[in-house]
Amino acid sequence: MNGRFAIGILLVIVLIVGAVGVGVYGYNMGIAQGLAQSDRLPAPATGAAPYPYFGYPYFIRPFGFGFGFLGCLFPLLFFFLFFALVRGFFWRGHWGGHHRHWEGGAPPMFDEWHKKAHESQPANK
């Protein structure tokens, strides 16, 4: 790791911390402004609440959109699908990659290495 890479990482961290600091400061300014103006708001009118309408398209779906209690499995399915795609992207090489099959059961590079490894060993007696 050279010095430029370390300085780049340090610069990214400083920028992220600065952006978080500006965000927190702006949020706190908004809260303070809202609290200062909260006493000027009129009180809401009291009265009967409107009757809720439970017809189309606002009817209640307690288990998701039309799949009953199995609707909760779709986020899990997409979670596994995402990690399968990431695994295929990083560990399989090209899209639609193929697996090499060697007749001897091992790749030729391994056979060469194996022969050289045994040639350099002294004979056990």
C-alpha atoms as a PDB file:
ATOM      1  CA  MET A   1       0.000   0.000   0.000  1.00  0.00           C
ATOM      2  CA  ASN A   2       1.597   3.242  -1.061  1.00  0.00           C
ATOM      3  CA  GLY A   3       1.154   6.712   0.423  1.00  0.00           C
ATOM      4  CA  ARG A   4      -1.262   7.934  -2.250  1.00  0.00           C
ATOM      5  CA  PHE A   5      -3.717   5.170  -1.513  1.00  0.00           C
ATOM      6  CA  ALA A   6      -3.596   5.857   2.231  1.00  0.00           C
ATOM      7  CA  ILE A   7      -4.085   9.594   1.676  1.00  0.00           C
ATOM      8  CA  GLY A   8      -7.025   8.855  -0.635  1.00  0.00           C
ATOM      9  CA  ILE A   9      -8.684   6.649   1.980  1.00  0.00           C
ATOM     10  CA  LEU A  10      -8.076   9.292   4.639  1.00  0.00           C
ATOM     11  CA  LEU A  11      -9.555  11.986   2.373  1.00  0.00           C
ATOM     12  CA  VAL A  12     -12.681   9.886   1.745  1.00  0.00           C
ATOM     13  CA  ILE A  13     -13.144   9.326   5.477  1.00  0.00           C
ATOM     14  CA  VAL A  14     -12.724  13.055   6.198  1.00  0.00           C
ATOM     15  CA  LEU A  15     -15.268  13.942   3.496  1.00  0.00           C
ATOM     16  CA  ILE A  16     -17.791  11.433   4.846  1.00  0.00           C
ATOM     17  CA  VAL A  17     -17.356  12.707   8.407  1.00  0.00           C
ATOM     18  CA  GLY A  18     -17.730  16.296   7.145  1.00  0.00           C
ATOM     19  CA  ALA A  19     -20.921  15.449   5.231  1.00  0.00           C
ATOM     20  CA  VAL A  20     -22.364  13.743   8.320  1.00  0.00           C
ATOM     21  CA  GLY A  21     -21.427  16.760  10.440  1.00  0.00           C
ATOM     22  CA  VAL A  22     -23.111  19.193   8.038  1.00  0.00           C
ATOM     23  CA  GLY A  23     -26.211  16.971   7.981  1.00  0.00           C
ATOM     24  CA  VAL A  24     -26.436  16.787  11.776  1.00  0.00           C
ATOM     25  CA  TYR A  25     -25.935  20.536  12.095  1.00  0.00           C
ATOM     26  CA  GLY A  26     -28.655  21.241   9.507  1.00  0.00           C
ATOM     27  CA  TYR A  27     -31.039  18.813  11.203  1.00  0.00           C
ATOM     28  CA  ASN A  28     -30.496  20.471  14.577  1.00  0.00           C
ATOM     29  CA  MET A  29     -31.054  23.919  13.031  1.00  0.00           C
ATOM     30  CA  GLY A  30     -34.368  22.714  11.588  1.00  0.00           C
ATOM     31  CA  ILE A  31     -35.478  21.287  14.920  1.00  0.00           C
ATOM     32  CA  ALA A  32     -34.604  24.551  16.692  1.00  0.00           C
ATOM     33  CA  GLN A  33     -36.497  26.598  14.085  1.00  0.00           C
ATOM     34  CA  GLY A  34     -39.524  24.305  14.357  1.00  0.00           C
ATOM     35  CA  LEU A  35     -39.571  24.548  18.130  1.00  0.00           C
ATOM     36  CA  ALA A  36     -39.335  28.335  17.956  1.00  0.00           C
ATOM     37  CA  GLN A  37     -42.336  28.513  15.603  1.00  0.00           C
ATOM     38  CA  SER A  38     -44.449  25.792  17.218  1.00  0.00           C
ATOM     39  CA  ASP A  39     -46.320  28.184  19.509  1.00  0.00           C
ATOM     40  CA  ARG A  40     -47.628  30.178  16.492  1.00  0.00           C
ATOM     41  CA  LEU A  41     -49.583  27.277  14.998  1.00  0.00           C
ATOM     42  CA  PRO A  42     -53.359  27.289  15.470  1.00  0.00           C
ATOM     43  CA  ALA A  43     -54.973  24.432  17.372  1.00  0.00           C
ATOM     44  CA  PRO A  44     -56.740  21.886  15.183  1.00  0.00           C
ATOM     45  CA  ALA A  45     -60.513  22.008  15.064  1.00  0.00           C
ATOM     46  CA  THR A  46     -62.323  19.451  17.172  1.00  0.00           C
ATOM     47  CA  GLY A  47     -65.169  17.404  15.776  1.00  0.00           C
ATOM     48  CA  ALA A  48     -66.116  14.016  14.501  1.00  0.00           C
ATOM     49  CA  ALA A  49     -63.502  12.106  12.593  1.00  0.00           C
ATOM     50  CA  PRO A  50     -64.391  11.163   9.012  1.00  0.00           C
ATOM     51  CA  TYR A  51     -65.644   7.651   8.414  1.00  0.00           C
ATOM     52  CA  PRO A  52     -62.855   5.566   6.831  1.00  0.00           C
ATOM     53  CA  TYR A  53     -63.544   4.108   3.403  1.00  0.00           C
ATOM     54  CA  PHE A  54     -62.283   0.541   2.994  1.00  0.00           C
ATOM     55  CA  GLY A  55     -63.171   0.020  -0.638  1.00  0.00           C
ATOM     56  CA  TYR A  56     -61.019  -0.299  -3.734  1.00  0.00           C
ATOM     57  CA  PRO A  57     -58.100   0.609  -3.978  1.00  0.00           C
ATOM     58  CA  TYR A  58     -57.618   1.176  -0.256  1.00  0.00           C
ATOM     59  CA  PHE A  59     -58.765  -2.129   1.196  1.00  0.00           C
ATOM     60  CA  ILE A  60     -56.679  -3.769   3.884  1.00  0.00           C
ATOM     61  CA  ARG A  61     -54.064  -6.362   2.918  1.00  0.00           C
ATOM     62  CA  PRO A  62     -52.582  -7.699   6.144  1.00  0.00           C
ATOM     63  CA  PHE A  63     -50.127 -10.120   4.477  1.00  0.00           C
ATOM     64  CA  GLY A  64     -48.868  -8.177   1.465  1.00  0.00           C
ATOM     65  CA  PHE A  65     -50.139  -7.914  -2.087  1.00  0.00           C
ATOM     66  CA  GLY A  66     -52.294 -10.891  -2.934  1.00  0.00           C
ATOM     67  CA  PHE A  67     -50.009 -13.746  -1.827  1.00  0.00           C
ATOM     68  CA  GLY A  68     -51.449 -14.396   1.622  1.00  0.00           C
ATOM     69  CA  PHE A  69     -49.008 -15.126   4.398  1.00  0.00           C
ATOM     70  CA  LEU A  70     -46.405 -16.322   1.843  1.00  0.00           C
ATOM     71  CA  GLY A  71     -45.890 -12.736   0.701  1.00  0.00           C
ATOM     72  CA  CYS A  72     -43.226 -12.402   3.372  1.00  0.00           C
ATOM     73  CA  LEU A  73     -41.050 -14.901   1.458  1.00  0.00           C
ATOM     74  CA  PHE A  74     -40.507 -12.601  -1.534  1.00  0.00           C
ATOM     75  CA  PRO A  75     -37.997 -10.301   0.229  1.00  0.00           C
ATOM     76  CA  LEU A  76     -36.113 -13.425   1.307  1.00  0.00           C
ATOM     77  CA  LEU A  77     -36.188 -14.712  -2.281  1.00  0.00           C
ATOM     78  CA  PHE A  78     -34.760 -11.448  -3.596  1.00  0.00           C
ATOM     79  CA  PHE A  79     -32.112 -11.495  -0.837  1.00  0.00           C
ATOM     80  CA  PHE A  80     -30.903 -14.946  -1.934  1.00  0.00           C
ATOM     81  CA  LEU A  81     -31.163 -14.005  -5.612  1.00  0.00           C
ATOM     82  CA  PHE A  82     -28.992 -10.938  -5.033  1.00  0.00           C
ATOM     83  CA  PHE A  83     -26.270 -12.936  -3.279  1.00  0.00           C
ATOM     84  CA  ALA A  84     -26.404 -15.647  -5.954  1.00  0.00           C
ATOM     85  CA  LEU A  85     -25.831 -13.013  -8.623  1.00  0.00           C
ATOM     86  CA  VAL A  86     -22.948 -11.483  -6.657  1.00  0.00           C
ATOM     87  CA  ARG A  87     -21.425 -14.947  -6.182  1.00  0.00           C
ATOM     88  CA  GLY A  88     -21.760 -15.708  -9.871  1.00  0.00           C
ATOM     89  CA  PHE A  89     -20.288 -12.370 -10.827  1.00  0.00           C
ATOM     90  CA  PHE A  90     -17.211 -12.609  -8.629  1.00  0.00           C
ATOM     91  CA  TRP A  91     -16.420 -16.334  -8.518  1.00  0.00           C
ATOM     92  CA  ARG A  92     -17.553 -17.820 -11.809  1.00  0.00           C
ATOM     93  CA  GLY A  93     -15.831 -15.507 -14.244  1.00  0.00           C
ATOM     94  CA  HIS A  94     -17.727 -14.598 -17.383  1.00  0.00           C
ATOM     95  CA  TRP A  95     -21.488 -14.752 -17.616  1.00  0.00           C
ATOM     96  CA  GLY A  96     -22.512 -18.182 -18.793  1.00  0.00           C
ATOM     97  CA  GLY A  97     -19.099 -19.476 -17.787  1.00  0.00           C
ATOM     98  CA  HIS A  98     -18.227 -23.079 -18.365  1.00  0.00           C
ATOM     99  CA  HIS A  99     -16.512 -25.584 -16.126  1.00  0.00           C
ATOM    100  CA  ARG A 100     -13.438 -27.343 -17.416  1.00  0.00           C
ATOM    101  CA  HIS A 101     -13.424 -31.105 -17.200  1.00  0.00           C
ATOM    102  CA  TRP A 102     -10.146 -32.946 -17.601  1.00  0.00           C
ATOM    103  CA  GLU A 103      -9.958 -36.552 -18.624  1.00  0.00           C
ATOM    104  CA  GLY A 104      -7.415 -37.493 -15.980  1.00  0.00           C
ATOM    105  CA  GLY A 105      -9.387 -35.881 -13.190  1.00  0.00           C
ATOM    106  CA  ALA A 106      -6.896 -33.056 -12.640  1.00  0.00           C
ATOM    107  CA  PRO A 107      -5.767 -30.121 -14.752  1.00  0.00           C
ATOM    108  CA  PRO A 108      -2.463 -30.489 -16.640  1.00  0.00           C
ATOM    109  CA  MET A 109      -0.863 -27.727 -14.532  1.00  0.00           C
ATOM    110  CA  PHE A 110      -1.487 -29.728 -11.389  1.00  0.00           C
ATOM    111  CA  ASP A 111       0.004 -32.877 -12.916  1.00  0.00           C
ATOM    112  CA  GLU A 112       3.182 -30.986 -13.861  1.00  0.00           C
ATOM    113  CA  TRP A 113       3.490 -29.514 -10.387  1.00  0.00           C
ATOM    114  CA  HIS A 114       2.900 -32.911  -8.810  1.00  0.00           C
ATOM    115  CA  LYS A 115       5.652 -34.558 -10.887  1.00  0.00           C
ATOM    116  CA  LYS A 116       8.129 -31.765 -10.059  1.00  0.00           C
ATOM    117  CA  ALA A 117       7.289 -31.974  -6.369  1.00  0.00           C
ATOM    118  CA  HIS A 118       8.038 -35.693  -6.241  1.00  0.00           C
ATOM    119  CA  GLU A 119      11.224 -35.403  -8.312  1.00  0.00           C
ATOM    120  CA  SER A 120      12.776 -32.989  -5.826  1.00  0.00           C
ATOM    121  CA  GLN A 121      12.065 -35.202  -2.787  1.00  0.00           C
ATOM    122  CA  PRO A 122      14.800 -37.524  -1.530  1.00  0.00           C
ATOM    123  CA  ALA A 123      13.942 -41.209  -1.472  1.00  0.00           C
ATOM    124  CA  ASN A 124      12.765 -42.476   1.916  1.00  0.00           C
ATOM    125  CA  LYS A 125      14.638 -45.542   3.194  1.00  0.00           C
END
